[in-house]
Amino acid sequence: MPVTRPTTLLDPGMDLTLRPMRYPRFYDRFRDAIKNTWTVEEVDLHSDLADLAALSAAERHLVQRLVAFFATGDTIVANNLVLNLYQHVNAPEARLYLSRQLFEEAVHVQFYLTLLDTYLPDEQERAQAFAAVENIPSIRDKAEFCFRWIDSLAALDRLRTRADRRAFLLNLICFAACIEGLFFYGAFAYVYFLRSRGLLNGLASGTNWVFRDESMHMAFAFDVVDQVRAEEPELFDEELAEQVRAMLREAVDAETRFAEDLLGGGVAGMTPADMRAYLEHVADRRLAALGIDPVFGSANPFAFMELQDVQELSNFFERRVSAYQVAVPGTVSFDEDF
C-alpha cells in the first residue's frame, strides 16, 4: 500500500522520502552547516589566563556570571530540539539540518565545559557554575523562561489542530528569536566588549564560531516559519503577532535583569542601560525578520559591535587554514544578525 506524503510541513507523521525533494532550502542549510565544521581543540583558551588574573573585581564577577550561564545554556536548547522540534517538522531534509544542529549544540556544550575547566580550576567553583540555574536568580529567571516554553509542547505528540500548530510556532520562535537570538546574543556582546579592550581573545575566538552556528540556527528556524506561513497563512494573525511581541518583551526584561547582575559592580565602558538598549535593538531585528512590527525603536549603542563586523569580515575566512576543518566559501554579514 503506497504511503501518502504530507501536504504541509507540519502535517503529523514521519515522511522518509528525500526524492522528489519538497524543501531544497532546508537541504542547502544542512550542506552549509557541514562546511562550517570546527572543533573545540582548535580554540586556545589558555592564552586568557593572564587576562583573568588582571581583571578587576567587577570584571571577574561579569566573567563568572557569564560562564555560569554558558554552563547550561546550550544544553537547554538541545533538549528542546530533541523533545519538541525534531518530531514535528515533517520533512527529511529539515531533519537532516536539525540533526546537524544537535551536533553543533554538543560542540558548544563541550566548548563551554572546556571554558569552565580552564577559567575555574577550583572544583567547587565549577560545581556552583553548573548549579547556577538553581542558585543564581538572574540565571534562574532565564532558565525558567526556557523551561516554560519547553513544557508548553509536552502534551503534544502530533500537531492535529490549529491551536497545536500555533503552540509549535510559538515554541520555535521563542527558541530562535528569544533564546538563541537574544539571550545568546547578549552573551556575545559581553565577550566582544571584553575583546574590544584587548581581553580574553581566546574566548572571543571560540565565540566567533559559536556565533556563526547560532546565526545559522536562527536562519533555519525563520525559514521554517516562512514555509509554514506560505502553506498555512491562517495561522499568522494579529493574535500570534502580539504573543510574539509579549514573548520578546519578557525575554528582554529577563536578559536586562541578567545585565544588572553582571554589571552591578560597575564595569567601565558598559552599563545596564546600554545593554538594555542593545537588547531592545536586537529584539526589534528579530521581530522584523518575522514580519512583525518592532516595539522598541532603540539604536545599537555599542560601537564595538559595529567594529566586530569589519574585523570579522576581513579575517574570518582567511583564518581558515589554522581554524577550520572545512572551508566555507562566500561571505557572511555579521551586521545582518546583530
C-alpha atoms as a PDB file:
ATOM      1  CA  MET A   1       0.000   0.000   0.000  1.00  0.00           C
ATOM      2  CA  PRO A   2       1.555   3.357  -1.014  1.00  0.00           C
ATOM      3  CA  VAL A   3       2.457   5.840   1.723  1.00  0.00           C
ATOM      4  CA  THR A   4       0.799   9.240   1.360  1.00  0.00           C
ATOM      5  CA  ARG A   5       3.213  12.133   1.730  1.00  0.00           C
ATOM      6  CA  PRO A   6       2.191  15.059   3.950  1.00  0.00           C
ATOM      7  CA  THR A   7       0.811  18.125   2.203  1.00  0.00           C
ATOM      8  CA  THR A   8       2.279  20.679   4.622  1.00  0.00           C
ATOM      9  CA  LEU A   9       5.435  20.887   6.686  1.00  0.00           C
ATOM     10  CA  LEU A  10       3.601  20.419   9.996  1.00  0.00           C
ATOM     11  CA  ASP A  11       1.352  17.532   8.973  1.00  0.00           C
ATOM     12  CA  PRO A  12       1.663  14.704  11.513  1.00  0.00           C
ATOM     13  CA  GLY A  13       3.771  11.708  10.546  1.00  0.00           C
ATOM     14  CA  MET A  14       7.354  10.955   9.588  1.00  0.00           C
ATOM     15  CA  ASP A  15       7.994  11.472   5.887  1.00  0.00           C
ATOM     16  CA  LEU A  16      11.067   9.490   4.798  1.00  0.00           C
ATOM     17  CA  THR A  17      11.287  10.466   1.141  1.00  0.00           C
ATOM     18  CA  LEU A  18      14.118  12.744   0.042  1.00  0.00           C
ATOM     19  CA  ARG A  19      13.253  12.447  -3.657  1.00  0.00           C
ATOM     20  CA  PRO A  20      11.488  14.311  -5.024  1.00  0.00           C
ATOM     21  CA  MET A  21      12.713  16.863  -2.506  1.00  0.00           C
ATOM     22  CA  ARG A  22       9.970  19.173  -1.249  1.00  0.00           C
ATOM     23  CA  TYR A  23      12.153  21.684   0.610  1.00  0.00           C
ATOM     24  CA  PRO A  24      15.581  22.045  -1.035  1.00  0.00           C
ATOM     25  CA  ARG A  25      16.234  25.219   1.010  1.00  0.00           C
ATOM     26  CA  PHE A  26      16.453  23.111   4.177  1.00  0.00           C
ATOM     27  CA  TYR A  27      18.882  20.742   2.476  1.00  0.00           C
ATOM     28  CA  ASP A  28      21.027  23.729   1.442  1.00  0.00           C
ATOM     29  CA  ARG A  29      21.081  24.846   5.090  1.00  0.00           C
ATOM     30  CA  PHE A  30      22.326  21.378   6.067  1.00  0.00           C
ATOM     31  CA  ARG A  31      25.104  21.500   3.448  1.00  0.00           C
ATOM     32  CA  ASP A  32      26.168  24.984   4.539  1.00  0.00           C
ATOM     33  CA  ALA A  33      26.344  23.840   8.166  1.00  0.00           C
ATOM     34  CA  ILE A  34      28.611  20.931   7.225  1.00  0.00           C
ATOM     35  CA  LYS A  35      31.020  23.419   5.631  1.00  0.00           C
ATOM     36  CA  ASN A  36      31.217  25.252   8.945  1.00  0.00           C
ATOM     37  CA  THR A  37      32.724  22.376  10.943  1.00  0.00           C
ATOM     38  CA  TRP A  38      35.065  23.266  13.811  1.00  0.00           C
ATOM     39  CA  THR A  39      36.334  21.560  16.942  1.00  0.00           C
ATOM     40  CA  VAL A  40      36.947  22.743  20.485  1.00  0.00           C
ATOM     41  CA  GLU A  41      40.580  21.647  20.288  1.00  0.00           C
ATOM     42  CA  GLU A  42      41.201  24.483  17.820  1.00  0.00           C
ATOM     43  CA  VAL A  43      40.444  27.126  20.486  1.00  0.00           C
ATOM     44  CA  ASP A  44      43.333  28.238  22.729  1.00  0.00           C
ATOM     45  CA  LEU A  45      41.698  29.354  25.963  1.00  0.00           C
ATOM     46  CA  HIS A  46      44.915  29.157  27.928  1.00  0.00           C
ATOM     47  CA  SER A  47      46.003  32.445  26.369  1.00  0.00           C
ATOM     48  CA  ASP A  48      43.277  34.064  28.505  1.00  0.00           C
ATOM     49  CA  LEU A  49      44.744  33.075  31.866  1.00  0.00           C
ATOM     50  CA  ALA A  50      46.940  36.148  32.241  1.00  0.00           C
ATOM     51  CA  ASP A  51      43.973  38.387  31.419  1.00  0.00           C
ATOM     52  CA  LEU A  52      41.807  36.677  34.027  1.00  0.00           C
ATOM     53  CA  ALA A  53      44.387  37.339  36.718  1.00  0.00           C
ATOM     54  CA  ALA A  54      44.474  41.053  35.830  1.00  0.00           C
ATOM     55  CA  LEU A  55      40.687  41.679  35.853  1.00  0.00           C
ATOM     56  CA  SER A  56      39.093  43.991  38.407  1.00  0.00           C
ATOM     57  CA  ALA A  57      36.637  42.544  40.919  1.00  0.00           C
ATOM     58  CA  ALA A  58      33.679  43.841  38.876  1.00  0.00           C
ATOM     59  CA  GLU A  59      35.085  42.341  35.670  1.00  0.00           C
ATOM     60  CA  ARG A  60      35.709  38.992  37.372  1.00  0.00           C
ATOM     61  CA  HIS A  61      32.102  38.976  38.533  1.00  0.00           C
ATOM     62  CA  LEU A  62      30.951  39.624  34.965  1.00  0.00           C
ATOM     63  CA  VAL A  63      33.039  36.745  33.624  1.00  0.00           C
ATOM     64  CA  GLN A  64      31.975  34.355  36.387  1.00  0.00           C
ATOM     65  CA  ARG A  65      28.287  35.062  35.787  1.00  0.00           C
ATOM     66  CA  LEU A  66      28.773  34.775  32.035  1.00  0.00           C
ATOM     67  CA  VAL A  67      30.426  31.356  32.192  1.00  0.00           C
ATOM     68  CA  ALA A  68      27.748  30.214  34.664  1.00  0.00           C
ATOM     69  CA  PHE A  69      25.119  30.984  32.015  1.00  0.00           C
ATOM     70  CA  PHE A  70      27.209  29.232  29.356  1.00  0.00           C
ATOM     71  CA  ALA A  71      27.400  26.132  31.562  1.00  0.00           C
ATOM     72  CA  THR A  72      23.842  25.039  30.733  1.00  0.00           C
ATOM     73  CA  GLY A  73      22.507  27.404  28.048  1.00  0.00           C
ATOM     74  CA  ASP A  74      23.178  25.228  25.007  1.00  0.00           C
ATOM     75  CA  THR A  75      22.055  22.077  26.812  1.00  0.00           C
ATOM     76  CA  ILE A  76      18.625  23.669  27.283  1.00  0.00           C
ATOM     77  CA  VAL A  77      18.447  24.461  23.564  1.00  0.00           C
ATOM     78  CA  ALA A  78      19.481  20.901  22.656  1.00  0.00           C
ATOM     79  CA  ASN A  79      16.795  19.468  24.930  1.00  0.00           C
ATOM     80  CA  ASN A  80      14.079  21.497  23.218  1.00  0.00           C
ATOM     81  CA  LEU A  81      15.386  20.481  19.812  1.00  0.00           C
ATOM     82  CA  VAL A  82      15.115  16.787  20.699  1.00  0.00           C
ATOM     83  CA  LEU A  83      11.895  16.950  22.704  1.00  0.00           C
ATOM     84  CA  ASN A  84       9.854  19.361  20.592  1.00  0.00           C
ATOM     85  CA  LEU A  85      11.263  20.340  17.206  1.00  0.00           C
ATOM     86  CA  TYR A  86      12.545  17.190  15.526  1.00  0.00           C
ATOM     87  CA  GLN A  87       9.301  15.235  15.769  1.00  0.00           C
ATOM     88  CA  HIS A  88       7.048  17.980  14.406  1.00  0.00           C
ATOM     89  CA  VAL A  89       8.955  19.321  11.369  1.00  0.00           C
ATOM     90  CA  ASN A  90       7.848  16.698   8.869  1.00  0.00           C
ATOM     91  CA  ALA A  91      10.451  16.832   6.123  1.00  0.00           C
ATOM     92  CA  PRO A  92      13.522  14.572   5.990  1.00  0.00           C
ATOM     93  CA  GLU A  93      15.711  17.366   4.611  1.00  0.00           C
ATOM     94  CA  ALA A  94      14.715  19.562   7.574  1.00  0.00           C
ATOM     95  CA  ARG A  95      15.509  16.740   9.984  1.00  0.00           C
ATOM     96  CA  LEU A  96      18.951  16.470   8.384  1.00  0.00           C
ATOM     97  CA  TYR A  97      19.565  20.067   9.412  1.00  0.00           C
ATOM     98  CA  LEU A  98      18.158  19.543  12.904  1.00  0.00           C
ATOM     99  CA  SER A  99      20.463  16.532  13.330  1.00  0.00           C
ATOM    100  CA  ARG A 100      23.390  18.716  12.365  1.00  0.00           C
ATOM    101  CA  GLN A 101      22.210  21.434  14.753  1.00  0.00           C
ATOM    102  CA  LEU A 102      22.130  18.913  17.577  1.00  0.00           C
ATOM    103  CA  PHE A 103      25.758  18.045  16.815  1.00  0.00           C
ATOM    104  CA  GLU A 104      26.661  21.734  16.912  1.00  0.00           C
ATOM    105  CA  GLU A 105      24.921  22.182  20.256  1.00  0.00           C
ATOM    106  CA  ALA A 106      27.011  19.284  21.563  1.00  0.00           C
ATOM    107  CA  VAL A 107      30.191  21.016  20.349  1.00  0.00           C
ATOM    108  CA  HIS A 108      29.072  24.209  22.097  1.00  0.00           C
ATOM    109  CA  VAL A 109      28.468  22.260  25.312  1.00  0.00           C
ATOM    110  CA  GLN A 110      31.979  20.792  25.025  1.00  0.00           C
ATOM    111  CA  PHE A 111      33.414  24.264  24.363  1.00  0.00           C
ATOM    112  CA  TYR A 112      31.781  25.700  27.465  1.00  0.00           C
ATOM    113  CA  LEU A 113      32.814  22.696  29.546  1.00  0.00           C
ATOM    114  CA  THR A 114      36.398  23.324  28.445  1.00  0.00           C
ATOM    115  CA  LEU A 115      35.920  27.013  29.169  1.00  0.00           C
ATOM    116  CA  LEU A 116      34.800  26.301  32.724  1.00  0.00           C
ATOM    117  CA  ASP A 117      37.615  23.821  33.313  1.00  0.00           C
ATOM    118  CA  THR A 118      40.109  26.458  32.159  1.00  0.00           C
ATOM    119  CA  TYR A 119      38.624  29.544  33.808  1.00  0.00           C
ATOM    120  CA  LEU A 120      37.505  27.889  37.054  1.00  0.00           C
ATOM    121  CA  PRO A 121      40.179  25.387  38.101  1.00  0.00           C
ATOM    122  CA  ASP A 122      38.583  25.056  41.542  1.00  0.00           C
ATOM    123  CA  GLU A 123      36.174  22.113  41.532  1.00  0.00           C
ATOM    124  CA  GLN A 124      33.740  23.766  43.931  1.00  0.00           C
ATOM    125  CA  GLU A 125      33.541  26.898  41.777  1.00  0.00           C
ATOM    126  CA  ARG A 126      32.777  24.759  38.735  1.00  0.00           C
ATOM    127  CA  ALA A 127      30.038  22.925  40.631  1.00  0.00           C
ATOM    128  CA  GLN A 128      28.494  26.271  41.597  1.00  0.00           C
ATOM    129  CA  ALA A 129      28.554  27.395  37.952  1.00  0.00           C
ATOM    130  CA  PHE A 130      26.727  24.271  36.801  1.00  0.00           C
ATOM    131  CA  ALA A 131      24.162  24.785  39.576  1.00  0.00           C
ATOM    132  CA  ALA A 132      23.521  28.390  38.529  1.00  0.00           C
ATOM    133  CA  VAL A 133      20.009  27.652  37.249  1.00  0.00           C
ATOM    134  CA  GLU A 134      19.049  26.791  40.826  1.00  0.00           C
ATOM    135  CA  ASN A 135      21.204  29.244  42.776  1.00  0.00           C
ATOM    136  CA  ILE A 136      21.621  32.484  40.801  1.00  0.00           C
ATOM    137  CA  PRO A 137      18.308  34.370  40.456  1.00  0.00           C
ATOM    138  CA  SER A 138      19.167  36.197  37.217  1.00  0.00           C
ATOM    139  CA  ILE A 139      20.117  32.913  35.534  1.00  0.00           C
ATOM    140  CA  ARG A 140      17.244  31.011  37.134  1.00  0.00           C
ATOM    141  CA  ASP A 141      14.793  33.533  35.640  1.00  0.00           C
ATOM    142  CA  LYS A 142      16.142  32.889  32.153  1.00  0.00           C
ATOM    143  CA  ALA A 143      16.116  29.119  32.645  1.00  0.00           C
ATOM    144  CA  GLU A 144      12.524  29.169  33.900  1.00  0.00           C
ATOM    145  CA  PHE A 145      11.529  31.182  30.842  1.00  0.00           C
ATOM    146  CA  CYS A 146      13.103  28.465  28.661  1.00  0.00           C
ATOM    147  CA  PHE A 147      11.589  25.564  30.618  1.00  0.00           C
ATOM    148  CA  ARG A 148       8.119  27.085  30.436  1.00  0.00           C
ATOM    149  CA  TRP A 149       8.278  27.122  26.646  1.00  0.00           C
ATOM    150  CA  ILE A 150       9.741  23.598  26.503  1.00  0.00           C
ATOM    151  CA  ASP A 151       6.867  22.388  28.686  1.00  0.00           C
ATOM    152  CA  SER A 152       4.319  24.185  26.500  1.00  0.00           C
ATOM    153  CA  LEU A 153       4.538  21.323  23.978  1.00  0.00           C
ATOM    154  CA  ALA A 154       4.992  18.458  26.440  1.00  0.00           C
ATOM    155  CA  ALA A 155       1.482  17.069  25.858  1.00  0.00           C
ATOM    156  CA  LEU A 156       1.616  17.284  22.049  1.00  0.00           C
ATOM    157  CA  ASP A 157       2.667  14.153  20.211  1.00  0.00           C
ATOM    158  CA  ARG A 158       1.084  15.397  16.959  1.00  0.00           C
ATOM    159  CA  LEU A 159       0.075  18.804  15.629  1.00  0.00           C
ATOM    160  CA  ARG A 160      -3.542  17.943  14.892  1.00  0.00           C
ATOM    161  CA  THR A 161      -5.280  21.293  15.287  1.00  0.00           C
ATOM    162  CA  ARG A 162      -4.739  24.950  14.501  1.00  0.00           C
ATOM    163  CA  ALA A 163      -4.078  25.559  18.205  1.00  0.00           C
ATOM    164  CA  ASP A 164      -1.442  22.804  18.243  1.00  0.00           C
ATOM    165  CA  ARG A 165       0.373  24.332  15.289  1.00  0.00           C
ATOM    166  CA  ARG A 166       0.309  27.806  16.762  1.00  0.00           C
ATOM    167  CA  ALA A 167       1.741  26.393  20.001  1.00  0.00           C
ATOM    168  CA  PHE A 168       4.534  24.788  17.983  1.00  0.00           C
ATOM    169  CA  LEU A 169       5.239  28.037  16.139  1.00  0.00           C
ATOM    170  CA  LEU A 170       5.479  29.944  19.405  1.00  0.00           C
ATOM    171  CA  ASN A 171       7.957  27.417  20.794  1.00  0.00           C
ATOM    172  CA  LEU A 172      10.058  27.550  17.623  1.00  0.00           C
ATOM    173  CA  ILE A 173      10.003  31.353  17.529  1.00  0.00           C
ATOM    174  CA  CYS A 174      10.849  31.562  21.229  1.00  0.00           C
ATOM    175  CA  PHE A 175      13.956  29.420  20.931  1.00  0.00           C
ATOM    176  CA  ALA A 176      15.119  31.093  17.707  1.00  0.00           C
ATOM    177  CA  ALA A 177      14.332  34.732  18.492  1.00  0.00           C
ATOM    178  CA  CYS A 178      14.438  34.923  22.297  1.00  0.00           C
ATOM    179  CA  ILE A 179      16.921  32.305  23.432  1.00  0.00           C
ATOM    180  CA  GLU A 180      19.400  31.769  20.613  1.00  0.00           C
ATOM    181  CA  GLY A 181      18.656  35.175  19.108  1.00  0.00           C
ATOM    182  CA  LEU A 182      18.590  37.329  22.268  1.00  0.00           C
ATOM    183  CA  PHE A 183      19.958  35.550  25.369  1.00  0.00           C
ATOM    184  CA  PHE A 184      22.955  34.232  23.463  1.00  0.00           C
ATOM    185  CA  TYR A 185      23.492  37.481  21.580  1.00  0.00           C
ATOM    186  CA  GLY A 186      23.574  39.350  24.868  1.00  0.00           C
ATOM    187  CA  ALA A 187      26.284  36.933  25.998  1.00  0.00           C
ATOM    188  CA  PHE A 188      28.213  37.504  22.759  1.00  0.00           C
ATOM    189  CA  ALA A 189      28.113  41.266  23.386  1.00  0.00           C
ATOM    190  CA  TYR A 190      29.883  40.849  26.750  1.00  0.00           C
ATOM    191  CA  VAL A 191      32.558  38.699  25.097  1.00  0.00           C
ATOM    192  CA  TYR A 192      33.171  41.203  22.303  1.00  0.00           C
ATOM    193  CA  PHE A 193      33.144  44.102  24.767  1.00  0.00           C
ATOM    194  CA  LEU A 194      35.975  42.433  26.657  1.00  0.00           C
ATOM    195  CA  ARG A 195      37.852  41.752  23.444  1.00  0.00           C
ATOM    196  CA  SER A 196      37.433  45.401  22.398  1.00  0.00           C
ATOM    197  CA  ARG A 197      39.548  46.144  25.480  1.00  0.00           C
ATOM    198  CA  GLY A 198      42.152  43.562  24.464  1.00  0.00           C
ATOM    199  CA  LEU A 199      40.925  40.939  26.949  1.00  0.00           C
ATOM    200  CA  LEU A 200      40.101  37.210  26.627  1.00  0.00           C
ATOM    201  CA  ASN A 201      40.927  36.804  22.948  1.00  0.00           C
ATOM    202  CA  GLY A 202      40.740  33.021  23.265  1.00  0.00           C
ATOM    203  CA  LEU A 203      37.142  33.204  24.444  1.00  0.00           C
ATOM    204  CA  ALA A 204      36.326  35.615  21.613  1.00  0.00           C
ATOM    205  CA  SER A 205      37.905  33.275  19.059  1.00  0.00           C
ATOM    206  CA  GLY A 206      35.714  30.373  20.139  1.00  0.00           C
ATOM    207  CA  THR A 207      32.699  32.670  20.376  1.00  0.00           C
ATOM    208  CA  ASN A 208      33.151  33.651  16.717  1.00  0.00           C
ATOM    209  CA  TRP A 209      32.420  30.070  15.723  1.00  0.00           C
ATOM    210  CA  VAL A 210      29.529  29.679  18.163  1.00  0.00           C
ATOM    211  CA  PHE A 211      28.148  32.955  16.814  1.00  0.00           C
ATOM    212  CA  ARG A 212      28.309  31.625  13.281  1.00  0.00           C
ATOM    213  CA  ASP A 213      26.456  28.450  14.290  1.00  0.00           C
ATOM    214  CA  GLU A 214      23.762  30.326  16.216  1.00  0.00           C
ATOM    215  CA  SER A 215      23.174  32.675  13.284  1.00  0.00           C
ATOM    216  CA  MET A 216      22.548  29.667  11.056  1.00  0.00           C
ATOM    217  CA  HIS A 217      20.233  28.087  13.650  1.00  0.00           C
ATOM    218  CA  MET A 218      18.129  31.230  13.638  1.00  0.00           C
ATOM    219  CA  ALA A 219      18.115  31.406   9.851  1.00  0.00           C
ATOM    220  CA  PHE A 220      16.871  27.826   9.600  1.00  0.00           C
ATOM    221  CA  ALA A 221      14.136  28.395  12.189  1.00  0.00           C
ATOM    222  CA  PHE A 222      12.954  31.521  10.380  1.00  0.00           C
ATOM    223  CA  ASP A 223      12.949  29.523   7.117  1.00  0.00           C
ATOM    224  CA  VAL A 224      10.609  27.040   8.791  1.00  0.00           C
ATOM    225  CA  VAL A 225       8.371  29.878   9.970  1.00  0.00           C
ATOM    226  CA  ASP A 226       8.304  31.352   6.456  1.00  0.00           C
ATOM    227  CA  GLN A 227       7.440  27.973   4.948  1.00  0.00           C
ATOM    228  CA  VAL A 228       4.595  27.410   7.385  1.00  0.00           C
ATOM    229  CA  ARG A 229       3.364  30.944   6.687  1.00  0.00           C
ATOM    230  CA  ALA A 230       3.285  30.142   2.954  1.00  0.00           C
ATOM    231  CA  GLU A 231       1.451  26.853   3.487  1.00  0.00           C
ATOM    232  CA  GLU A 232      -0.885  27.853   6.314  1.00  0.00           C
ATOM    233  CA  PRO A 233      -1.219  31.662   6.301  1.00  0.00           C
ATOM    234  CA  GLU A 234      -4.289  31.494   8.532  1.00  0.00           C
ATOM    235  CA  LEU A 235      -2.013  30.654  11.473  1.00  0.00           C
ATOM    236  CA  PHE A 236      -0.421  34.107  11.282  1.00  0.00           C
ATOM    237  CA  ASP A 237      -2.764  36.725  12.636  1.00  0.00           C
ATOM    238  CA  GLU A 238      -2.507  39.700  14.966  1.00  0.00           C
ATOM    239  CA  GLU A 239      -3.085  37.465  17.989  1.00  0.00           C
ATOM    240  CA  LEU A 240       0.030  35.437  17.153  1.00  0.00           C
ATOM    241  CA  ALA A 241       1.997  38.634  16.441  1.00  0.00           C
ATOM    242  CA  GLU A 242       1.054  40.074  19.827  1.00  0.00           C
ATOM    243  CA  GLN A 243       2.003  36.813  21.564  1.00  0.00           C
ATOM    244  CA  VAL A 244       5.435  37.031  19.922  1.00  0.00           C
ATOM    245  CA  ARG A 245       5.841  40.683  20.938  1.00  0.00           C
ATOM    246  CA  ALA A 246       4.904  39.827  24.537  1.00  0.00           C
ATOM    247  CA  MET A 247       7.372  36.933  24.492  1.00  0.00           C
ATOM    248  CA  LEU A 248      10.207  39.195  23.324  1.00  0.00           C
ATOM    249  CA  ARG A 249       9.316  41.870  25.888  1.00  0.00           C
ATOM    250  CA  GLU A 250       9.559  39.232  28.618  1.00  0.00           C
ATOM    251  CA  ALA A 251      12.862  37.954  27.216  1.00  0.00           C
ATOM    252  CA  VAL A 252      14.310  41.487  27.118  1.00  0.00           C
ATOM    253  CA  ASP A 253      13.239  42.020  30.731  1.00  0.00           C
ATOM    254  CA  ALA A 254      14.847  38.743  31.833  1.00  0.00           C
ATOM    255  CA  GLU A 255      18.070  39.495  29.997  1.00  0.00           C
ATOM    256  CA  THR A 256      18.104  43.018  31.440  1.00  0.00           C
ATOM    257  CA  ARG A 257      17.978  41.564  34.960  1.00  0.00           C
ATOM    258  CA  PHE A 258      20.933  39.388  33.986  1.00  0.00           C
ATOM    259  CA  ALA A 259      22.756  42.520  32.763  1.00  0.00           C
ATOM    260  CA  GLU A 260      22.068  44.300  36.054  1.00  0.00           C
ATOM    261  CA  ASP A 261      23.583  41.309  37.841  1.00  0.00           C
ATOM    262  CA  LEU A 262      26.676  41.137  35.612  1.00  0.00           C
ATOM    263  CA  LEU A 263      27.309  44.881  35.564  1.00  0.00           C
ATOM    264  CA  GLY A 264      26.111  45.799  39.055  1.00  0.00           C
ATOM    265  CA  GLY A 265      29.647  46.222  40.359  1.00  0.00           C
ATOM    266  CA  GLY A 266      30.389  48.964  37.859  1.00  0.00           C
ATOM    267  CA  VAL A 267      32.249  47.894  34.709  1.00  0.00           C
ATOM    268  CA  ALA A 268      33.848  50.809  32.884  1.00  0.00           C
ATOM    269  CA  GLY A 269      32.511  51.154  29.348  1.00  0.00           C
ATOM    270  CA  MET A 270      29.308  49.115  29.692  1.00  0.00           C
ATOM    271  CA  THR A 271      26.166  49.935  31.673  1.00  0.00           C
ATOM    272  CA  PRO A 272      22.895  48.074  32.249  1.00  0.00           C
ATOM    273  CA  ALA A 273      21.081  50.880  30.426  1.00  0.00           C
ATOM    274  CA  ASP A 274      23.269  50.456  27.346  1.00  0.00           C
ATOM    275  CA  MET A 275      22.792  46.698  27.436  1.00  0.00           C
ATOM    276  CA  ARG A 276      19.020  47.201  27.695  1.00  0.00           C
ATOM    277  CA  ALA A 277      19.122  49.410  24.596  1.00  0.00           C
ATOM    278  CA  TYR A 278      21.196  46.815  22.739  1.00  0.00           C
ATOM    279  CA  LEU A 279      18.748  44.051  23.683  1.00  0.00           C
ATOM    280  CA  GLU A 280      15.814  46.143  22.512  1.00  0.00           C
ATOM    281  CA  HIS A 281      17.640  46.794  19.239  1.00  0.00           C
ATOM    282  CA  VAL A 282      18.224  43.060  18.732  1.00  0.00           C
ATOM    283  CA  ALA A 283      14.622  42.216  19.689  1.00  0.00           C
ATOM    284  CA  ASP A 284      13.307  44.624  17.045  1.00  0.00           C
ATOM    285  CA  ARG A 285      15.528  42.938  14.444  1.00  0.00           C
ATOM    286  CA  ARG A 286      14.079  39.562  15.376  1.00  0.00           C
ATOM    287  CA  LEU A 287      10.549  40.920  15.043  1.00  0.00           C
ATOM    288  CA  ALA A 288      11.388  42.416  11.645  1.00  0.00           C
ATOM    289  CA  ALA A 289      12.758  39.052  10.474  1.00  0.00           C
ATOM    290  CA  LEU A 290       9.408  37.528  11.443  1.00  0.00           C
ATOM    291  CA  GLY A 291       7.431  40.157   9.564  1.00  0.00           C
ATOM    292  CA  ILE A 292       6.154  41.719  12.806  1.00  0.00           C
ATOM    293  CA  ASP A 293       6.270  45.430  13.574  1.00  0.00           C
ATOM    294  CA  PRO A 294       9.045  46.365  16.047  1.00  0.00           C
ATOM    295  CA  VAL A 295       8.127  47.603  19.502  1.00  0.00           C
ATOM    296  CA  PHE A 296      11.204  49.309  20.977  1.00  0.00           C
ATOM    297  CA  GLY A 297      12.857  51.586  18.418  1.00  0.00           C
ATOM    298  CA  SER A 298      16.250  51.509  20.152  1.00  0.00           C
ATOM    299  CA  ALA A 299      19.531  52.040  18.325  1.00  0.00           C
ATOM    300  CA  ASN A 300      22.592  49.859  18.849  1.00  0.00           C
ATOM    301  CA  PRO A 301      24.669  51.711  21.488  1.00  0.00           C
ATOM    302  CA  PHE A 302      27.756  49.527  21.139  1.00  0.00           C
ATOM    303  CA  ALA A 303      30.263  50.811  18.597  1.00  0.00           C
ATOM    304  CA  PHE A 304      32.452  47.769  19.278  1.00  0.00           C
ATOM    305  CA  MET A 305      29.732  45.557  17.815  1.00  0.00           C
ATOM    306  CA  GLU A 306      29.888  47.542  14.574  1.00  0.00           C
ATOM    307  CA  LEU A 307      33.680  47.170  14.596  1.00  0.00           C
ATOM    308  CA  GLN A 308      33.159  43.441  15.093  1.00  0.00           C
ATOM    309  CA  ASP A 309      31.513  43.397  11.666  1.00  0.00           C
ATOM    310  CA  VAL A 310      34.545  44.917   9.959  1.00  0.00           C
ATOM    311  CA  GLN A 311      37.138  42.858  11.820  1.00  0.00           C
ATOM    312  CA  GLU A 312      35.416  39.557  11.256  1.00  0.00           C
ATOM    313  CA  LEU A 313      34.561  40.175   7.610  1.00  0.00           C
ATOM    314  CA  SER A 314      38.217  40.958   6.953  1.00  0.00           C
ATOM    315  CA  ASN A 315      39.732  37.856   8.505  1.00  0.00           C
ATOM    316  CA  PHE A 316      37.024  35.303   9.340  1.00  0.00           C
ATOM    317  CA  PHE A 317      37.679  33.070   6.360  1.00  0.00           C
ATOM    318  CA  GLU A 318      41.326  33.935   5.867  1.00  0.00           C
ATOM    319  CA  ARG A 319      41.975  32.223   9.240  1.00  0.00           C
ATOM    320  CA  ARG A 320      40.565  29.020   7.838  1.00  0.00           C
ATOM    321  CA  VAL A 321      43.869  27.192   7.269  1.00  0.00           C
ATOM    322  CA  SER A 322      44.534  27.046  11.001  1.00  0.00           C
ATOM    323  CA  ALA A 323      40.989  27.490  12.282  1.00  0.00           C
ATOM    324  CA  TYR A 324      38.565  25.462  10.190  1.00  0.00           C
ATOM    325  CA  GLN A 325      38.482  21.851   9.210  1.00  0.00           C
ATOM    326  CA  VAL A 326      36.349  22.569   6.148  1.00  0.00           C
ATOM    327  CA  ALA A 327      36.470  25.698   4.023  1.00  0.00           C
ATOM    328  CA  VAL A 328      33.406  27.910   3.896  1.00  0.00           C
ATOM    329  CA  PRO A 329      33.031  29.672   0.540  1.00  0.00           C
ATOM    330  CA  GLY A 330      31.351  33.035   0.134  1.00  0.00           C
ATOM    331  CA  THR A 331      30.774  35.804   2.632  1.00  0.00           C
ATOM    332  CA  VAL A 332      28.890  36.378   5.837  1.00  0.00           C
ATOM    333  CA  SER A 333      27.304  39.605   7.052  1.00  0.00           C
ATOM    334  CA  PHE A 334      27.609  39.984  10.789  1.00  0.00           C
ATOM    335  CA  ASP A 335      25.591  43.213  10.749  1.00  0.00           C
ATOM    336  CA  GLU A 336      22.561  41.314   9.483  1.00  0.00           C
ATOM    337  CA  ASP A 337      22.464  39.279  12.689  1.00  0.00           C
ATOM    338  CA  PHE A 338      23.410  41.917  15.265  1.00  0.00           C
END
